[in-house]
């Protein structure tokens, strides 16, 4: 009987945990030390302080692009995007919308400009090119702080 009581007390002791109550009013988050990224590609005439003083902001708005291809294979989308970048002067994007990779061209605010590119692409042999309304990168501006 004494052994049974001893085993029960030992079992309860092993299972017991210390419960700590955390007062969230006094707990403060530690600010992370963000790394400084240095781009070795820059030439010596551009100072790092100057680059830190600039911030590139990309404005995203609604507009039109021309979709040339939708495929499940990223290799096919990437190879067509490379060909398109070498063929035309507009921006070329490979967007992933499950389950397909879509090759899209241009950043047009008005539909007429997108339709003009679509007709040019059809004449170049991209018969499946069509205009779609989507988010576009309208401009890149520099802001000084």
Protein backbone atom coordinates (compact mmCIF):
# COMPACT_ATOMS: atom_id res chain seq x y z
CA UNK A 1 0.00 0.00 0.00
CA UNK A 2 2.86 2.34 0.86
CA UNK A 3 4.43 1.57 -2.49
CA UNK A 4 1.20 2.49 -4.29
CA UNK A 5 0.94 5.85 -2.47
CA UNK A 6 4.60 6.54 -3.18
CA UNK A 7 4.14 5.78 -6.90
CA UNK A 8 1.05 8.01 -7.10
CA UNK A 9 2.89 10.89 -5.40
CA UNK A 10 5.88 10.39 -7.69
CA UNK A 11 3.62 10.30 -10.75
CA UNK A 12 1.79 13.49 -9.75
CA UNK A 13 5.08 15.25 -9.02
CA UNK A 14 6.49 14.34 -12.41
CA UNK A 15 3.40 15.57 -14.23
CA UNK A 16 3.13 18.84 -12.33
CA UNK A 17 4.37 21.89 -14.22
CA UNK A 18 5.37 25.31 -13.05
CA UNK A 19 2.82 27.78 -14.41
CA UNK A 20 4.17 31.23 -15.05
CA UNK A 21 1.85 34.15 -15.56
CA UNK A 22 3.17 36.71 -18.05
CA UNK A 23 2.15 40.31 -17.57
CA UNK A 24 1.84 41.65 -21.11
CA UNK A 25 1.91 45.24 -19.89
CA UNK A 26 5.56 45.04 -18.91
CA UNK A 27 6.82 42.78 -21.70
CA UNK A 28 8.49 44.74 -24.50
CA UNK A 29 9.49 43.49 -27.92
CA UNK A 30 13.16 43.62 -28.73
CA UNK A 31 13.83 45.62 -31.89
CA UNK A 32 15.75 43.52 -34.42
CA UNK A 33 19.10 44.67 -35.75
CA UNK A 34 18.47 44.72 -39.48
CA UNK A 35 21.45 43.86 -41.68
CA UNK A 36 22.96 46.43 -44.00
CA UNK A 37 23.00 45.11 -47.54
CA UNK A 38 25.82 46.38 -49.70
CA UNK A 39 25.57 46.01 -53.46
CA UNK A 40 29.02 45.29 -54.89
CA UNK A 41 27.77 45.92 -58.42
CA UNK A 42 27.64 49.69 -57.89
CA UNK A 43 30.50 51.78 -59.16
CA UNK A 44 32.65 53.86 -56.80
CA UNK A 45 31.06 57.17 -57.86
CA UNK A 46 27.76 56.28 -56.16
CA UNK A 47 28.00 56.60 -52.40
CA UNK A 48 26.12 54.25 -50.12
CA UNK A 49 24.73 57.19 -48.09
CA UNK A 50 23.24 58.65 -51.27
CA UNK A 51 21.49 55.36 -52.03
CA UNK A 52 20.09 55.21 -48.51
CA UNK A 53 18.66 58.71 -48.94
CA UNK A 54 16.66 57.57 -51.98
CA UNK A 55 13.68 55.29 -51.96
CA UNK A 56 12.19 53.82 -55.10
CA UNK A 57 8.42 53.62 -54.97
CA UNK A 58 6.55 51.59 -57.51
CA UNK A 59 3.00 52.76 -58.05
CA UNK A 60 0.52 49.98 -58.78
CA UNK A 61 -2.83 50.76 -60.38
CA UNK A 62 -5.47 49.20 -62.60
CA UNK A 63 -4.73 48.94 -66.29
CA UNK A 64 -4.24 46.50 -69.14
CA UNK A 65 -1.73 43.91 -70.24
CA UNK A 66 -1.63 41.50 -73.15
CA UNK A 67 -1.46 37.84 -72.20
CA UNK A 68 0.48 35.72 -74.66
CA UNK A 69 0.66 32.32 -72.96
CA UNK A 70 -0.74 30.31 -70.05
CA UNK A 71 1.09 27.09 -69.21
CA UNK A 72 1.73 24.79 -66.27
CA UNK A 73 5.44 24.62 -67.08
CA UNK A 74 7.66 27.41 -65.74
CA UNK A 75 10.45 26.55 -68.19
CA UNK A 76 8.17 27.20 -71.18
CA UNK A 77 6.92 30.49 -69.69
CA UNK A 78 10.45 31.67 -68.88
CA UNK A 79 11.82 30.81 -72.34
CA UNK A 80 8.96 32.67 -74.06
CA UNK A 81 9.48 35.65 -71.74
CA UNK A 82 13.16 35.81 -72.75
CA UNK A 83 12.20 35.70 -76.43
CA UNK A 84 9.58 38.42 -75.89
CA UNK A 85 12.05 40.66 -74.02
CA UNK A 86 14.44 40.43 -76.97
CA UNK A 87 11.66 41.00 -79.53
CA UNK A 88 9.57 43.87 -78.18
CA UNK A 89 10.31 46.99 -76.18
CA UNK A 90 7.50 46.68 -73.61
CA UNK A 91 7.82 45.11 -70.16
CA UNK A 92 7.37 41.33 -70.02
CA UNK A 93 6.09 39.55 -66.90
CA UNK A 94 5.71 35.92 -65.87
CA UNK A 95 2.88 35.76 -63.33
CA UNK A 96 1.89 32.65 -61.41
CA UNK A 97 -1.82 32.13 -60.89
CA UNK A 98 -2.37 28.56 -59.74
CA UNK A 99 -2.00 26.26 -61.55
CA UNK A 100 -0.60 28.24 -64.51
CA UNK A 101 2.33 30.50 -65.33
CA UNK A 102 1.16 33.38 -67.52
CA UNK A 103 3.35 35.45 -69.82
CA UNK A 104 1.99 39.00 -69.98
CA UNK A 105 3.28 42.07 -71.79
CA UNK A 106 2.99 45.80 -71.15
CA UNK A 107 1.69 48.30 -68.61
CA UNK A 108 -1.10 50.19 -70.37
CA UNK A 109 -3.45 52.69 -68.79
CA UNK A 110 -5.87 52.69 -71.74
CA UNK A 111 -7.29 49.67 -73.53
CA UNK A 112 -6.62 51.05 -77.04
CA UNK A 113 -2.84 50.91 -76.53
CA UNK A 114 -3.09 47.33 -75.26
CA UNK A 115 -5.24 46.32 -78.24
CA UNK A 116 -2.69 47.86 -80.59
CA UNK A 117 0.06 45.71 -79.05
CA UNK A 118 -2.23 42.68 -79.17
CA UNK A 119 -2.74 43.16 -82.93
CA UNK A 120 1.02 43.49 -83.42
CA UNK A 121 1.61 40.28 -81.46
CA UNK A 122 -1.01 38.41 -83.52
CA UNK A 123 0.78 39.56 -86.69
CA UNK A 124 4.05 38.25 -85.20
CA UNK A 125 2.45 34.81 -84.81
CA UNK A 126 1.18 34.90 -81.22
CA UNK A 127 -2.41 34.05 -82.18
CA UNK A 128 -3.55 33.44 -78.60
CA UNK A 129 -2.65 36.97 -77.43
CA UNK A 130 -5.53 38.74 -75.72
CA UNK A 131 -6.04 41.90 -73.64
CA UNK A 132 -6.88 41.61 -69.96
CA UNK A 133 -7.58 44.12 -67.22
CA UNK A 134 -5.15 43.71 -64.33
CA UNK A 135 -2.89 45.57 -61.95
CA UNK A 136 -0.03 47.34 -63.66
CA UNK A 137 3.15 49.13 -62.62
CA UNK A 138 2.30 52.64 -63.69
CA UNK A 139 5.48 54.51 -62.76
CA UNK A 140 8.64 54.50 -60.71
CA UNK A 141 9.38 57.68 -58.80
CA UNK A 142 12.12 58.76 -56.44
CA UNK A 143 11.33 60.28 -53.08
CA UNK A 144 13.94 62.05 -50.93
CA UNK A 145 13.70 61.85 -47.17
